[in-house]
Amino acid sequence: MTGAVSGRVIAVRGSVVDLYFPGTLPALHTQVIIGGSGTVEVVNYLDAHTVRGIALMPTDGFAQRPIDKEPG
């Protein structure tokens, strides 16, 4: 899946980030862009609407940023 993704950040603990998606989840080991510049790699499915990822950059302000897209 590539293109716009609707979702939000629900938790940030260090470099671990939980993301909620009301629709289709992004594929494992893909990157999701947070707030236009933050990158999170999806590493685990927590439930039907939530994924856990690892931030590939500092997470300052992630909780207030929208999920922009999944580049692939």
Protein backbone atom coordinates (compact mmCIF):
# COMPACT_ATOMS: atom_id res chain seq x y z
CA MET A 1 0.00 0.00 0.00
CA THR A 2 1.33 3.42 -0.94
CA GLY A 3 -0.20 6.84 -0.53
CA ALA A 4 -2.26 8.63 2.08
CA VAL A 5 -2.91 6.80 5.31
CA SER A 6 -5.36 7.96 7.97
CA GLY A 7 -4.23 7.36 11.53
CA ARG A 8 -2.89 8.84 14.73
CA VAL A 9 -0.16 8.36 17.30
CA ILE A 10 -1.59 6.86 20.49
CA ALA A 11 1.58 6.28 22.56
CA VAL A 12 5.27 7.16 22.54
CA ARG A 13 7.70 5.44 24.92
CA GLY A 14 11.27 6.30 24.02
CA SER A 15 11.74 5.07 20.46
CA VAL A 16 8.69 2.76 20.62
CA VAL A 17 5.59 4.28 18.99
CA ASP A 18 2.04 2.86 18.89
CA LEU A 19 -0.09 3.96 15.94
CA TYR A 20 -3.86 3.63 15.45
CA PHE A 21 -5.41 3.16 12.00
CA PRO A 22 -9.23 3.03 11.61
CA GLY A 23 -8.92 1.21 8.27
CA THR A 24 -6.24 -0.97 6.70
CA LEU A 25 -3.00 -1.42 8.62
CA PRO A 26 0.33 -0.72 6.93
CA ALA A 27 2.45 -3.76 6.07
CA LEU A 28 5.12 -4.98 8.47
CA HIS A 29 8.62 -3.54 7.95
CA THR A 30 7.33 -0.51 6.05
CA GLN A 31 7.92 3.07 7.08
CA VAL A 32 5.19 5.49 8.10
CA ILE A 33 5.79 9.26 7.97
CA ILE A 34 4.71 11.20 11.06
CA GLY A 35 4.17 14.95 10.80
CA GLY A 36 5.96 15.32 7.48
CA SER A 37 9.42 14.43 8.76
CA GLY A 38 9.32 11.71 11.43
CA THR A 39 9.77 8.11 10.33
CA VAL A 40 8.51 5.00 12.13
CA GLU A 41 9.11 1.43 10.93
CA VAL A 42 6.17 -0.91 11.61
CA VAL A 43 7.40 -4.00 13.47
CA ASN A 44 4.33 -5.56 15.10
CA TYR A 45 0.54 -5.73 14.94
CA LEU A 46 -1.05 -5.23 18.36
CA ASP A 47 -4.67 -5.67 17.27
CA ALA A 48 -6.93 -5.10 14.27
CA HIS A 49 -6.34 -1.33 14.31
CA THR A 50 -3.04 -0.77 16.13
CA VAL A 51 0.60 -1.25 15.16
CA ARG A 52 3.83 -0.86 17.12
CA GLY A 53 6.80 0.70 15.45
CA ILE A 54 10.33 1.86 16.10
CA ALA A 55 11.13 5.52 15.52
CA LEU A 56 14.09 6.06 13.20
CA MET A 57 14.68 9.57 14.58
CA PRO A 58 14.03 11.48 17.83
CA THR A 59 10.40 11.29 18.93
CA ASP A 60 10.02 14.83 20.35
CA GLY A 61 6.50 16.04 19.54
CA PHE A 62 5.35 12.79 17.86
CA ALA A 63 2.18 12.63 19.97
CA GLN A 64 0.92 15.90 18.47
CA ARG A 65 1.74 15.09 14.83
CA PRO A 66 -0.61 13.49 12.29
CA ILE A 67 0.32 10.42 10.31
CA ASP A 68 0.96 11.70 6.80
CA LYS A 69 1.65 8.70 4.61
CA GLU A 70 3.26 5.34 4.14
CA PRO A 71 6.01 5.60 1.49
CA GLY A 72 6.25 1.87 0.90
